[in-house]
């Protein structure tokens, strides 16, 4: 008796696999994680922090040149009201210069708001006036301060002539084309009494609570 015929049909050849939806989704997830990590670094530097009550610890910051005891370079710059302001206008007063990144840095404007809100604290610390300096055009600065209802004089230094004299453009996350986040207290005689450049690496701080700012000032000027 003959044996049953064998099945000689060949198995179909394996098809080459193409990247499917799973591969695309995996790639998108990885890209999203990377972007989220980069965003968290940027956001942490640009999110205003609230100082804890009874803050007693001094901040860490750079101190550029010119520094304490040196003559503050004079300047005359266009302001946000359509006029011009010179450092000499504040002769005989303690004026706090605030160099900041400008229109692209929302926490920098929140900083000015907080300085105005806590003006009484600044006065109690011996600060007679606050003047901010940025590299944005004067007309754009005027529009911004009007929209926010700010009263602080904000000066335009588009060519960085004044910023470079103070090296305020050396301490920021945007390179040397804009200022960072620097405070310089100029005394009645035109000499620098205190300086703190908060915007440098690695923290790139773009907001300092007023209580912390005054603590840093007091610590440096009484030590």
N, C-alpha and C. Protein backbone atom coordinates (compact mmCIF):
# COMPACT_ATOMS: atom_id res chain seq x y z
N UNK A 1 0.86 -1.20 0.00
CA UNK A 1 0.00 0.00 0.00
C UNK A 1 0.88 1.23 0.00
N UNK A 2 0.59 2.15 -0.95
CA UNK A 2 1.47 3.32 -1.10
C UNK A 2 1.22 4.33 -0.01
N UNK A 3 2.28 5.03 0.39
CA UNK A 3 2.17 6.05 1.46
C UNK A 3 1.49 7.29 0.91
N UNK A 4 0.88 8.08 1.83
CA UNK A 4 0.18 9.32 1.43
C UNK A 4 1.16 10.32 0.87
N UNK A 5 0.75 11.04 -0.17
CA UNK A 5 1.67 12.02 -0.79
C UNK A 5 2.05 13.12 0.20
N UNK A 6 3.29 13.50 0.16
CA UNK A 6 3.78 14.55 1.06
C UNK A 6 3.37 15.92 0.54
N UNK A 7 3.11 16.82 1.48
CA UNK A 7 2.77 18.21 1.13
C UNK A 7 4.06 18.95 0.81
N UNK A 8 4.21 19.28 -0.46
CA UNK A 8 5.46 19.92 -0.89
C UNK A 8 5.34 21.43 -1.00
N UNK A 9 4.16 22.00 -0.52
CA UNK A 9 3.98 23.46 -0.61
C UNK A 9 4.95 24.18 0.33
N UNK A 10 5.67 25.17 -0.19
CA UNK A 10 6.66 25.91 0.60
C UNK A 10 5.97 26.99 1.42
N UNK A 11 6.54 27.19 2.62
CA UNK A 11 6.02 28.27 3.48
C UNK A 11 6.32 29.62 2.85
N UNK A 12 5.40 30.54 2.95
CA UNK A 12 5.63 31.87 2.34
C UNK A 12 6.84 32.55 2.96
N UNK A 13 7.60 33.22 2.12
CA UNK A 13 8.81 33.92 2.61
C UNK A 13 8.41 35.04 3.55
N UNK A 14 9.22 35.22 4.56
CA UNK A 14 8.94 36.28 5.55
C UNK A 14 9.03 37.64 4.88
N UNK A 15 8.04 38.48 5.14
CA UNK A 15 8.02 39.81 4.55
C UNK A 15 8.95 40.74 5.33
N UNK A 16 9.58 41.63 4.57
CA UNK A 16 10.45 42.60 5.24
C UNK A 16 9.58 43.55 6.06
N UNK A 17 10.00 43.80 7.27
CA UNK A 17 9.23 44.64 8.17
C UNK A 17 9.55 46.12 7.94
N UNK A 18 8.52 46.89 7.93
CA UNK A 18 8.68 48.33 7.81
C UNK A 18 8.33 48.98 9.15
N UNK A 19 8.97 50.11 9.44
CA UNK A 19 8.62 50.80 10.69
C UNK A 19 7.14 51.13 10.72
N UNK A 20 6.46 50.65 11.73
CA UNK A 20 5.04 50.92 11.85
C UNK A 20 4.75 52.07 12.79
N UNK A 21 3.47 52.13 13.19
CA UNK A 21 3.06 53.21 14.09
C UNK A 21 3.81 53.15 15.41
N UNK A 22 4.15 51.96 15.85
CA UNK A 22 4.85 51.82 17.13
C UNK A 22 6.18 52.55 17.10
N UNK A 23 6.90 52.40 15.97
CA UNK A 23 8.19 53.08 15.85
C UNK A 23 8.06 54.59 15.85
N UNK A 24 7.03 55.06 15.13
CA UNK A 24 6.81 56.52 15.09
C UNK A 24 6.46 57.05 16.47
N UNK A 25 5.58 56.34 17.16
CA UNK A 25 5.16 56.80 18.49
C UNK A 25 6.33 56.81 19.46
N UNK A 26 7.16 55.76 19.39
CA UNK A 26 8.33 55.70 20.26
C UNK A 26 9.27 56.88 20.02
N UNK A 27 9.50 57.18 18.74
CA UNK A 27 10.37 58.31 18.40
C UNK A 27 9.82 59.63 18.91
N UNK A 28 8.50 59.81 18.76
CA UNK A 28 7.89 61.04 19.24
C UNK A 28 7.97 61.17 20.75
N UNK A 29 7.80 60.05 21.45
CA UNK A 29 7.89 60.07 22.91
C UNK A 29 9.29 60.45 23.37
N UNK A 30 10.30 59.89 22.71
CA UNK A 30 11.69 60.22 23.08
C UNK A 30 11.97 61.69 22.83
N UNK A 31 11.52 62.19 21.67
CA UNK A 31 11.73 63.61 21.36
C UNK A 31 11.02 64.50 22.37
N UNK A 32 9.81 64.07 22.78
CA UNK A 32 9.06 64.85 23.76
C UNK A 32 9.76 64.91 25.10
N UNK A 33 10.35 63.79 25.52
CA UNK A 33 11.07 63.75 26.79
C UNK A 33 12.27 64.68 26.76
N UNK A 34 13.00 64.66 25.64
CA UNK A 34 14.17 65.54 25.50
C UNK A 34 13.76 67.00 25.56
N UNK A 35 12.70 67.36 24.81
CA UNK A 35 12.24 68.75 24.80
C UNK A 35 11.73 69.17 26.17
N UNK A 36 11.05 68.25 26.87
CA UNK A 36 10.56 68.58 28.21
C UNK A 36 11.70 68.85 29.16
N UNK A 37 12.78 68.09 29.02
CA UNK A 37 13.95 68.31 29.87
C UNK A 37 14.58 69.66 29.63
N UNK A 38 14.71 70.03 28.34
CA UNK A 38 15.28 71.34 28.01
C UNK A 38 14.39 72.46 28.50
N UNK A 39 13.08 72.28 28.37
CA UNK A 39 12.15 73.32 28.82
C UNK A 39 12.22 73.51 30.32
N UNK A 40 12.34 72.40 31.06
CA UNK A 40 12.39 72.50 32.52
C UNK A 40 13.59 73.29 32.99
N UNK A 41 14.73 73.14 32.28
CA UNK A 41 15.93 73.90 32.63
C UNK A 41 15.70 75.39 32.41
N UNK A 42 15.10 75.73 31.25
CA UNK A 42 14.84 77.14 30.94
C UNK A 42 13.80 77.71 31.88
N UNK A 43 12.73 76.95 32.12
CA UNK A 43 11.64 77.46 32.95
C UNK A 43 12.07 77.68 34.39
N UNK A 44 12.92 76.80 34.91
CA UNK A 44 13.37 76.94 36.29
C UNK A 44 14.15 78.23 36.48
N UNK A 45 14.87 78.64 35.44
CA UNK A 45 15.65 79.88 35.53
C UNK A 45 14.76 81.10 35.40
N UNK A 46 13.58 80.94 34.77
CA UNK A 46 12.73 82.09 34.48
C UNK A 46 11.45 82.11 35.30
N UNK A 47 11.34 81.26 36.31
CA UNK A 47 10.17 81.25 37.16
C UNK A 47 10.46 81.98 38.45
N UNK A 48 9.70 83.04 38.75
CA UNK A 48 9.95 83.77 39.98
C UNK A 48 9.82 82.87 41.19
N UNK A 49 10.76 82.99 42.10
CA UNK A 49 10.75 82.22 43.33
C UNK A 49 10.27 83.10 44.48
N UNK A 50 9.56 82.52 45.41
CA UNK A 50 9.10 83.25 46.58
C UNK A 50 10.04 83.00 47.73
N UNK A 51 10.52 84.07 48.33
CA UNK A 51 11.45 83.92 49.45
C UNK A 51 10.70 83.43 50.68
N UNK A 52 11.31 82.50 51.38
CA UNK A 52 10.71 82.00 52.61
C UNK A 52 10.75 83.09 53.66
N UNK A 53 9.74 83.10 54.52
CA UNK A 53 9.69 84.11 55.57
C UNK A 53 10.91 83.96 56.48
N UNK A 54 11.49 85.10 56.84
CA UNK A 54 12.65 85.05 57.71
C UNK A 54 13.90 84.54 57.02
N UNK A 55 14.04 84.81 55.72
CA UNK A 55 15.21 84.36 54.97
C UNK A 55 16.48 84.87 55.63
N UNK A 56 17.42 83.97 55.86
CA UNK A 56 18.67 84.36 56.53
C UNK A 56 19.91 83.92 55.77
N UNK A 57 19.72 83.27 54.64
CA UNK A 57 20.85 82.75 53.88
C UNK A 57 21.14 83.64 52.68
N UNK A 58 22.39 84.04 52.53
CA UNK A 58 22.78 84.89 51.42
C UNK A 58 22.78 84.09 50.12
N UNK A 59 22.43 84.75 49.03
CA UNK A 59 22.43 84.11 47.72
C UNK A 59 23.85 83.91 47.22
N UNK A 60 23.95 83.11 46.16
CA UNK A 60 25.22 82.95 45.46
C UNK A 60 25.12 83.71 44.14
N UNK A 61 26.06 84.60 43.89
CA UNK A 61 26.03 85.39 42.66
C UNK A 61 27.43 85.87 42.32
N UNK A 62 27.58 86.30 41.08
CA UNK A 62 28.86 86.85 40.63
C UNK A 62 28.94 88.32 41.00
N UNK A 63 30.15 88.84 40.99
CA UNK A 63 30.38 90.27 41.20
C UNK A 63 31.33 90.73 40.11
N UNK A 64 30.79 91.46 39.15
CA UNK A 64 31.60 91.90 38.02
C UNK A 64 32.38 93.17 38.30
N UNK A 65 32.91 93.74 37.25
CA UNK A 65 33.72 94.96 37.32
C UNK A 65 33.07 96.04 36.44
N UNK A 66 32.96 97.27 36.95
CA UNK A 66 33.50 97.81 38.20
C UNK A 66 32.72 97.32 39.42
N UNK A 67 33.44 97.17 40.52
CA UNK A 67 32.84 96.65 41.74
C UNK A 67 32.82 97.68 42.86
N UNK A 68 32.63 97.17 44.06
CA UNK A 68 32.50 98.03 45.24
C UNK A 68 33.72 98.93 45.40
N UNK A 69 33.44 100.21 45.63
CA UNK A 69 34.50 101.19 45.84
C UNK A 69 34.99 101.86 44.57
N UNK A 70 34.59 101.34 43.41
CA UNK A 70 35.03 101.93 42.15
C UNK A 70 34.01 102.95 41.64
N UNK A 71 34.49 103.85 40.82
CA UNK A 71 33.64 104.89 40.27
C UNK A 71 32.65 104.28 39.27
N UNK A 72 31.38 104.64 39.40
CA UNK A 72 30.37 104.15 38.47
C UNK A 72 30.44 104.95 37.17
N UNK A 73 30.59 104.28 36.03
CA UNK A 73 30.65 105.00 34.74
C UNK A 73 29.37 105.81 34.50
N UNK A 74 29.53 107.03 34.07
CA UNK A 74 28.37 107.88 33.80
C UNK A 74 27.70 107.44 32.50
N UNK A 75 26.47 107.82 32.34
CA UNK A 75 25.73 107.50 31.11
C UNK A 75 24.59 108.49 30.94
N UNK A 76 24.13 108.61 29.71
CA UNK A 76 22.91 109.35 29.38
C UNK A 76 22.18 108.53 28.34
N UNK A 77 20.98 108.07 28.68
CA UNK A 77 20.23 107.16 27.80
C UNK A 77 18.78 107.59 27.68
N UNK A 78 18.17 107.23 26.55
CA UNK A 78 16.74 107.49 26.35
C UNK A 78 15.92 106.64 27.31
N UNK A 79 14.85 107.22 27.84
CA UNK A 79 14.03 106.47 28.79
C UNK A 79 12.65 106.16 28.21
N UNK A 80 11.81 105.54 29.02
CA UNK A 80 10.50 105.09 28.57
C UNK A 80 9.44 106.19 28.56
N UNK A 81 9.83 107.41 28.92
CA UNK A 81 8.87 108.52 28.91
C UNK A 81 9.14 109.50 27.78
N UNK A 82 10.10 109.18 26.92
CA UNK A 82 10.41 110.05 25.80
C UNK A 82 11.52 111.04 26.06
N UNK A 83 12.10 110.99 27.25
CA UNK A 83 13.19 111.88 27.59
C UNK A 83 14.51 111.14 27.69
N UNK A 84 15.45 111.75 28.40
CA UNK A 84 16.75 111.12 28.64
C UNK A 84 17.11 111.24 30.12
N UNK A 85 17.82 110.25 30.60
CA UNK A 85 18.23 110.22 32.00
C UNK A 85 19.72 109.95 32.07
N UNK A 86 20.40 110.68 32.95
CA UNK A 86 21.83 110.49 33.18
C UNK A 86 22.04 109.99 34.61
N UNK A 87 23.13 109.29 34.81
CA UNK A 87 23.47 108.88 36.17
C UNK A 87 23.68 110.11 37.05
N UNK A 88 24.21 111.17 36.44
CA UNK A 88 24.46 112.41 37.18
C UNK A 88 23.19 113.02 37.76
N UNK A 89 22.03 112.66 37.19
CA UNK A 89 20.76 113.17 37.71
C UNK A 89 20.50 112.69 39.13
N UNK A 90 21.18 111.62 39.54
CA UNK A 90 20.96 111.04 40.86
C UNK A 90 22.11 111.34 41.82
N UNK A 91 22.90 112.33 41.48
CA UNK A 91 23.99 112.74 42.36
C UNK A 91 23.43 113.12 43.73
N UNK A 92 24.06 112.64 44.78
CA UNK A 92 23.59 112.91 46.13
C UNK A 92 22.58 111.90 46.64
N UNK A 93 22.26 110.89 45.83
CA UNK A 93 21.29 109.87 46.21
C UNK A 93 21.88 108.47 46.05
N UNK A 94 21.26 107.53 46.73
CA UNK A 94 21.58 106.11 46.51
C UNK A 94 20.64 105.58 45.44
N UNK A 95 21.18 105.26 44.27
CA UNK A 95 20.35 104.78 43.17
C UNK A 95 20.73 103.34 42.84
N UNK A 96 19.71 102.49 42.74
CA UNK A 96 19.92 101.08 42.42
C UNK A 96 19.72 100.88 40.93
N UNK A 97 20.80 100.54 40.22
CA UNK A 97 20.72 100.25 38.80
C UNK A 97 20.37 98.77 38.62
N UNK A 98 19.38 98.51 37.80
CA UNK A 98 18.95 97.13 37.54
C UNK A 98 19.08 96.85 36.04
N UNK A 99 20.16 96.16 35.67
CA UNK A 99 20.37 95.74 34.28
C UNK A 99 19.63 94.42 34.07
N UNK A 100 18.80 94.35 33.00
CA UNK A 100 17.99 93.15 32.79
C UNK A 100 17.86 92.82 31.32
N UNK A 101 17.39 91.59 31.05
CA UNK A 101 17.34 91.07 29.67
C UNK A 101 16.38 91.81 28.76
N UNK A 102 15.29 92.32 29.31
CA UNK A 102 14.37 93.09 28.49
C UNK A 102 13.07 92.41 28.14
N UNK A 103 12.51 92.76 27.01
CA UNK A 103 11.15 92.38 26.64
C UNK A 103 10.93 90.88 26.61
N UNK A 104 11.94 90.11 26.25
CA UNK A 104 11.78 88.65 26.14
C UNK A 104 11.82 87.96 27.49
N UNK A 105 12.11 88.69 28.54
CA UNK A 105 12.25 88.10 29.88
C UNK A 105 11.11 88.58 30.78
N UNK A 106 10.02 87.85 30.82
CA UNK A 106 8.87 88.28 31.62
C UNK A 106 9.20 88.37 33.11
N UNK A 107 9.99 87.44 33.67
CA UNK A 107 10.34 87.57 35.09
C UNK A 107 11.10 88.85 35.40
N UNK A 108 11.82 89.40 34.42
CA UNK A 108 12.54 90.66 34.64
C UNK A 108 11.57 91.80 34.90
N UNK A 109 10.42 91.77 34.23
CA UNK A 109 9.41 92.80 34.44
C UNK A 109 8.64 92.54 35.72
N UNK A 110 8.48 91.28 36.06
CA UNK A 110 7.91 90.94 37.36
C UNK A 110 8.81 91.44 38.47
N UNK A 111 10.12 91.42 38.21
CA UNK A 111 11.08 91.94 39.18
C UNK A 111 10.84 93.42 39.43
N UNK A 112 10.64 94.19 38.36
CA UNK A 112 10.38 95.62 38.52
C UNK A 112 9.08 95.84 39.29
N UNK A 113 8.06 95.05 38.98
CA UNK A 113 6.80 95.15 39.70
C UNK A 113 6.99 94.92 41.19
N UNK A 114 7.79 93.92 41.54
CA UNK A 114 8.02 93.62 42.95
C UNK A 114 8.81 94.73 43.64
N UNK A 115 9.74 95.34 42.91
CA UNK A 115 10.50 96.45 43.47
C UNK A 115 9.59 97.65 43.75
N UNK A 116 8.62 97.88 42.87
CA UNK A 116 7.67 98.96 43.10
C UNK A 116 6.73 98.63 44.25
N UNK A 117 6.28 97.38 44.31
CA UNK A 117 5.37 96.97 45.38
C UNK A 117 6.03 97.12 46.75
N UNK A 118 7.31 96.79 46.82
CA UNK A 118 8.05 96.85 48.08
C UNK A 118 8.94 98.08 48.17
N UNK A 119 8.48 99.18 47.57
CA UNK A 119 9.27 100.41 47.57
C UNK A 119 9.60 100.88 48.98
N UNK A 120 8.68 100.68 49.92
CA UNK A 120 8.92 101.10 51.30
C UNK A 120 10.09 100.35 51.91
N UNK A 121 10.23 99.08 51.57
CA UNK A 121 11.36 98.29 52.08
C UNK A 121 12.68 98.80 51.51
N UNK A 122 12.66 99.17 50.24
CA UNK A 122 13.87 99.71 49.62
C UNK A 122 14.27 101.03 50.28
N UNK A 123 13.29 101.87 50.51
CA UNK A 123 13.57 103.15 51.15
C UNK A 123 14.11 102.96 52.55
N UNK A 124 13.56 101.99 53.27
CA UNK A 124 14.04 101.71 54.62
C UNK A 124 15.48 101.22 54.61
N UNK A 125 15.89 100.61 53.50
CA UNK A 125 17.26 100.11 53.36
C UNK A 125 18.20 101.20 52.84
N UNK A 126 17.67 102.41 52.63
CA UNK A 126 18.51 103.52 52.19
C UNK A 126 18.59 103.71 50.69
N UNK A 127 17.73 103.02 49.93
CA UNK A 127 17.73 103.16 48.47
C UNK A 127 16.73 104.25 48.09
N UNK A 128 17.23 105.29 47.44
CA UNK A 128 16.39 106.44 47.10
C UNK A 128 15.67 106.29 45.77
N UNK A 129 16.26 105.55 44.84
CA UNK A 129 15.66 105.43 43.51
C UNK A 129 16.12 104.14 42.84
N UNK A 130 15.29 103.66 41.91
CA UNK A 130 15.60 102.47 41.11
C UNK A 130 15.52 102.86 39.64
N UNK A 131 16.53 102.48 38.88
CA UNK A 131 16.55 102.74 37.44
C UNK A 131 16.92 101.44 36.74
N UNK A 132 16.11 101.01 35.78
CA UNK A 132 16.40 99.79 35.04
C UNK A 132 16.99 100.12 33.67
N UNK A 133 17.86 99.25 33.19
CA UNK A 133 18.52 99.43 31.90
C UNK A 133 18.43 98.13 31.11
N UNK A 134 18.02 98.24 29.85
CA UNK A 134 17.94 97.08 28.98
C UNK A 134 18.36 97.49 27.57
N UNK A 135 18.50 96.52 26.69
CA UNK A 135 19.00 96.81 25.34
C UNK A 135 17.89 96.98 24.32
N UNK A 136 16.63 96.95 24.75
CA UNK A 136 15.51 97.09 23.83
C UNK A 136 15.32 98.54 23.40
N UNK A 137 14.67 98.78 22.25
CA UNK A 137 14.39 100.14 21.78
C UNK A 137 13.48 100.88 22.76
N UNK A 138 13.68 102.18 22.88
CA UNK A 138 12.94 102.99 23.86
C UNK A 138 11.43 102.94 23.63
N UNK A 139 10.99 102.95 22.35
CA UNK A 139 9.55 102.94 22.07
C UNK A 139 8.90 101.64 22.53
N UNK A 140 9.59 100.53 22.34
CA UNK A 140 9.04 99.24 22.78
C UNK A 140 9.02 99.16 24.31
N UNK A 141 10.04 99.71 24.94
CA UNK A 141 10.07 99.74 26.40
C UNK A 141 8.90 100.58 26.92
N UNK A 142 8.66 101.72 26.28
CA UNK A 142 7.56 102.61 26.69
C UNK A 142 6.22 101.89 26.60
N UNK A 143 6.02 101.13 25.53
CA UNK A 143 4.77 100.39 25.36
C UNK A 143 4.61 99.34 26.46
N UNK A 144 5.71 98.66 26.78
CA UNK A 144 5.67 97.61 27.80
C UNK A 144 5.36 98.20 29.17
N UNK A 145 6.04 99.24 29.55
CA UNK A 145 5.83 99.83 30.88
C UNK A 145 4.44 100.45 30.99
N UNK A 146 3.93 101.00 29.89
CA UNK A 146 2.57 101.55 29.90
C UNK A 146 1.55 100.44 30.09
N UNK A 147 1.73 99.35 29.37
CA UNK A 147 0.80 98.21 29.47
C UNK A 147 0.79 97.63 30.89
N UNK A 148 1.96 97.64 31.54
CA UNK A 148 2.05 97.06 32.88
C UNK A 148 1.81 98.09 33.99
N UNK A 149 1.70 99.35 33.61
CA UNK A 149 1.46 100.38 34.61
C UNK A 149 2.66 100.63 35.52
N UNK A 150 3.87 100.47 34.98
CA UNK A 150 5.08 100.64 35.78
C UNK A 150 5.51 102.10 35.80
N UNK A 151 6.05 102.53 36.92
CA UNK A 151 6.51 103.91 37.09
C UNK A 151 8.03 104.02 37.08
N UNK A 152 8.71 102.91 37.22
CA UNK A 152 10.18 102.90 37.26
C UNK A 152 10.77 103.37 35.94
N UNK A 153 11.74 104.27 35.95
CA UNK A 153 12.42 104.64 34.70
C UNK A 153 13.15 103.43 34.12
N UNK A 154 12.90 103.13 32.85
CA UNK A 154 13.59 102.05 32.16
C UNK A 154 14.31 102.66 30.97
N UNK A 155 15.62 102.49 30.92
CA UNK A 155 16.44 103.14 29.91
C UNK A 155 16.82 102.18 28.79
N UNK A 156 17.00 102.74 27.61
CA UNK A 156 17.33 101.95 26.42
C UNK A 156 18.82 102.08 26.09
N UNK A 157 19.49 100.93 26.01
CA UNK A 157 20.92 100.89 25.68
C UNK A 157 21.13 99.93 24.51
N UNK A 158 20.57 100.24 23.33
CA UNK A 158 20.55 99.29 22.22
C UNK A 158 21.92 98.90 21.69
N UNK A 159 22.90 99.76 21.83
CA UNK A 159 24.24 99.46 21.34
C UNK A 159 25.15 98.89 22.43
N UNK A 160 24.59 98.67 23.61
CA UNK A 160 25.31 98.09 24.75
C UNK A 160 26.52 98.92 25.20
N UNK A 161 26.53 100.20 24.87
CA UNK A 161 27.67 101.04 25.26
C UNK A 161 27.77 101.10 26.79
N UNK A 162 26.65 101.40 27.44
CA UNK A 162 26.64 101.47 28.91
C UNK A 162 26.76 100.08 29.53
N UNK A 163 26.07 99.12 28.96
CA UNK A 163 26.10 97.75 29.49
C UNK A 163 27.52 97.19 29.51
N UNK A 164 28.28 97.48 28.47
CA UNK A 164 29.66 97.00 28.40
C UNK A 164 30.55 97.72 29.40
N UNK A 165 30.27 99.00 29.65
CA UNK A 165 31.05 99.74 30.65
C UNK A 165 30.91 99.10 32.03
N UNK A 166 29.71 98.57 32.28
CA UNK A 166 29.43 97.92 33.57
C UNK A 166 29.61 96.40 33.50
N UNK A 167 29.92 95.88 32.32
CA UNK A 167 30.03 94.43 32.09
C UNK A 167 28.75 93.70 32.49
N UNK A 168 27.62 94.37 32.37
CA UNK A 168 26.35 93.76 32.74
C UNK A 168 25.88 92.74 31.72
N UNK A 169 26.47 92.76 30.53
CA UNK A 169 26.11 91.79 29.49
C UNK A 169 26.95 90.52 29.56
N UNK A 170 27.74 90.39 30.60
CA UNK A 170 28.60 89.21 30.76
C UNK A 170 27.96 88.14 31.65
N UNK A 171 26.76 88.43 32.17
CA UNK A 171 26.16 87.51 33.14
C UNK A 171 24.71 87.21 32.78
N UNK A 172 24.51 86.45 31.72
CA UNK A 172 23.16 86.09 31.31
C UNK A 172 23.14 84.82 30.48
N UNK A 173 21.94 84.33 30.21
CA UNK A 173 21.79 83.08 29.46
C UNK A 173 21.74 83.30 27.95
N UNK A 174 21.69 84.57 27.51
CA UNK A 174 21.56 84.87 26.09
C UNK A 174 22.86 85.34 25.47
N UNK A 175 23.99 85.00 26.06
CA UNK A 175 25.27 85.44 25.54
C UNK A 175 25.55 86.87 25.95
N UNK A 176 26.32 87.58 25.15
CA UNK A 176 26.70 88.95 25.51
C UNK A 176 25.92 90.00 24.73
N UNK A 177 24.86 89.58 24.04
CA UNK A 177 24.07 90.53 23.25
C UNK A 177 22.98 91.23 24.06
N UNK A 178 22.73 90.74 25.26
CA UNK A 178 21.77 91.38 26.16
C UNK A 178 22.35 91.39 27.56
N UNK A 179 21.73 92.16 28.44
CA UNK A 179 22.15 92.14 29.84
C UNK A 179 21.60 90.90 30.52
N UNK A 180 22.15 90.60 31.69
CA UNK A 180 21.67 89.46 32.46
C UNK A 180 20.65 89.90 33.49
N UNK A 181 21.04 89.84 34.77
CA UNK A 181 20.15 90.24 35.86
C UNK A 181 21.04 90.79 36.96
N UNK A 182 21.49 92.03 36.77
CA UNK A 182 22.51 92.62 37.65
C UNK A 182 21.96 93.83 38.40
N UNK A 183 22.31 93.91 39.68
CA UNK A 183 21.96 95.05 40.51
C UNK A 183 23.24 95.75 40.95
N UNK A 184 23.29 97.06 40.78
CA UNK A 184 24.46 97.85 41.16
C UNK A 184 23.97 99.08 41.92
N UNK A 185 24.36 99.19 43.18
CA UNK A 185 23.97 100.32 44.01
C UNK A 185 25.05 101.39 43.95
N UNK A 186 24.68 102.55 43.42
CA UNK A 186 25.60 103.67 43.29
C UNK A 186 25.29 104.68 44.39
N UNK A 187 26.32 105.05 45.14
CA UNK A 187 26.13 105.96 46.27
C UNK A 187 26.04 107.42 45.87
N UNK A 188 25.78 108.29 46.84
CA UNK A 188 25.64 109.73 46.58
C UNK A 188 26.86 110.37 45.93
N UNK A 189 28.04 109.79 46.18
CA UNK A 189 29.27 110.36 45.61
C UNK A 189 29.66 109.74 44.28
N UNK A 190 28.81 108.86 43.75
CA UNK A 190 29.07 108.26 42.44
C UNK A 190 29.92 107.01 42.46
N UNK A 191 30.23 106.48 43.65
CA UNK A 191 30.98 105.22 43.74
C UNK A 191 30.02 104.06 43.99
N UNK A 192 30.45 102.89 43.58
CA UNK A 192 29.61 101.70 43.72
C UNK A 192 29.70 101.18 45.16
N UNK A 193 28.54 101.03 45.79
CA UNK A 193 28.47 100.56 47.17
C UNK A 193 28.18 99.06 47.27
N UNK A 194 27.58 98.52 46.21
CA UNK A 194 27.23 97.09 46.22
C UNK A 194 26.94 96.65 44.80
N UNK A 195 27.25 95.39 44.53
CA UNK A 195 26.98 94.82 43.21
C UNK A 195 26.67 93.34 43.33
N UNK A 196 25.67 92.88 42.57
CA UNK A 196 25.33 91.46 42.52
C UNK A 196 24.85 91.12 41.11
N UNK A 197 25.58 90.22 40.45
CA UNK A 197 25.20 89.75 39.11
C UNK A 197 24.57 88.36 39.25
N UNK A 198 23.25 88.32 39.31
CA UNK A 198 22.53 87.07 39.57
C UNK A 198 22.34 86.20 38.33
N UNK A 199 22.47 86.78 37.14
CA UNK A 199 22.05 86.07 35.93
C UNK A 199 23.04 85.11 35.32
N UNK A 200 24.21 84.93 35.94
CA UNK A 200 25.23 84.07 35.35
C UNK A 200 24.99 82.58 35.54
N UNK A 201 25.82 81.78 34.86
CA UNK A 201 25.74 80.32 34.97
C UNK A 201 26.14 79.90 36.39
N UNK A 202 25.65 78.77 36.88
CA UNK A 202 24.76 77.83 36.18
C UNK A 202 23.28 78.07 36.42
N UNK A 203 22.91 78.96 37.32
CA UNK A 203 21.50 79.12 37.68
C UNK A 203 20.74 80.05 36.75
N UNK A 204 21.43 81.04 36.18
CA UNK A 204 20.78 82.02 35.30
C UNK A 204 19.53 82.62 35.95
N UNK A 205 19.69 83.08 37.17
CA UNK A 205 18.57 83.63 37.93
C UNK A 205 18.03 84.90 37.27
N UNK A 206 16.71 84.94 37.06
CA UNK A 206 16.08 86.09 36.42
C UNK A 206 15.01 86.74 37.31
N UNK A 207 14.96 86.34 38.57
CA UNK A 207 14.07 86.99 39.53
C UNK A 207 14.63 86.76 40.92
N UNK A 208 14.70 87.83 41.70
CA UNK A 208 15.18 87.75 43.08
C UNK A 208 14.14 88.40 43.98
N UNK A 209 13.56 87.68 44.92
CA UNK A 209 12.61 88.30 45.84
C UNK A 209 13.24 89.50 46.55
N UNK A 210 12.47 90.53 46.77
CA UNK A 210 13.01 91.76 47.36
C UNK A 210 13.65 91.50 48.72
N UNK A 211 13.03 90.66 49.54
CA UNK A 211 13.61 90.36 50.85
C UNK A 211 14.99 89.72 50.71
N UNK A 212 15.14 88.84 49.72
CA UNK A 212 16.44 88.21 49.48
C UNK A 212 17.44 89.23 48.97
N UNK A 213 17.00 90.09 48.09
CA UNK A 213 17.86 91.13 47.54
C UNK A 213 18.41 92.02 48.65
N UNK A 214 17.54 92.45 49.54
CA UNK A 214 17.96 93.33 50.62
C UNK A 214 18.84 92.61 51.63
N UNK A 215 18.59 91.32 51.82
CA UNK A 215 19.46 90.54 52.70
C UNK A 215 20.87 90.46 52.12
N UNK A 216 20.96 90.20 50.82
CA UNK A 216 22.27 90.13 50.16
C UNK A 216 22.99 91.48 50.26
N UNK A 217 22.24 92.55 50.05
CA UNK A 217 22.81 93.90 50.15
C UNK A 217 23.34 94.15 51.56
N UNK A 218 22.53 93.85 52.55
CA UNK A 218 22.93 94.09 53.94
C UNK A 218 24.13 93.26 54.33
N UNK A 219 24.13 91.99 53.91
CA UNK A 219 25.24 91.09 54.26
C UNK A 219 26.55 91.59 53.68
N UNK A 220 26.52 92.02 52.42
CA UNK A 220 27.75 92.47 51.76
C UNK A 220 28.25 93.80 52.29
N UNK A 221 27.34 94.69 52.64
CA UNK A 221 27.75 96.04 53.03
C UNK A 221 28.06 96.17 54.51
N UNK A 222 27.75 95.14 55.29
CA UNK A 222 28.05 95.20 56.72
C UNK A 222 29.13 94.22 57.14
N UNK A 223 29.57 93.37 56.20
CA UNK A 223 30.59 92.37 56.54
C UNK A 223 31.99 92.95 56.43
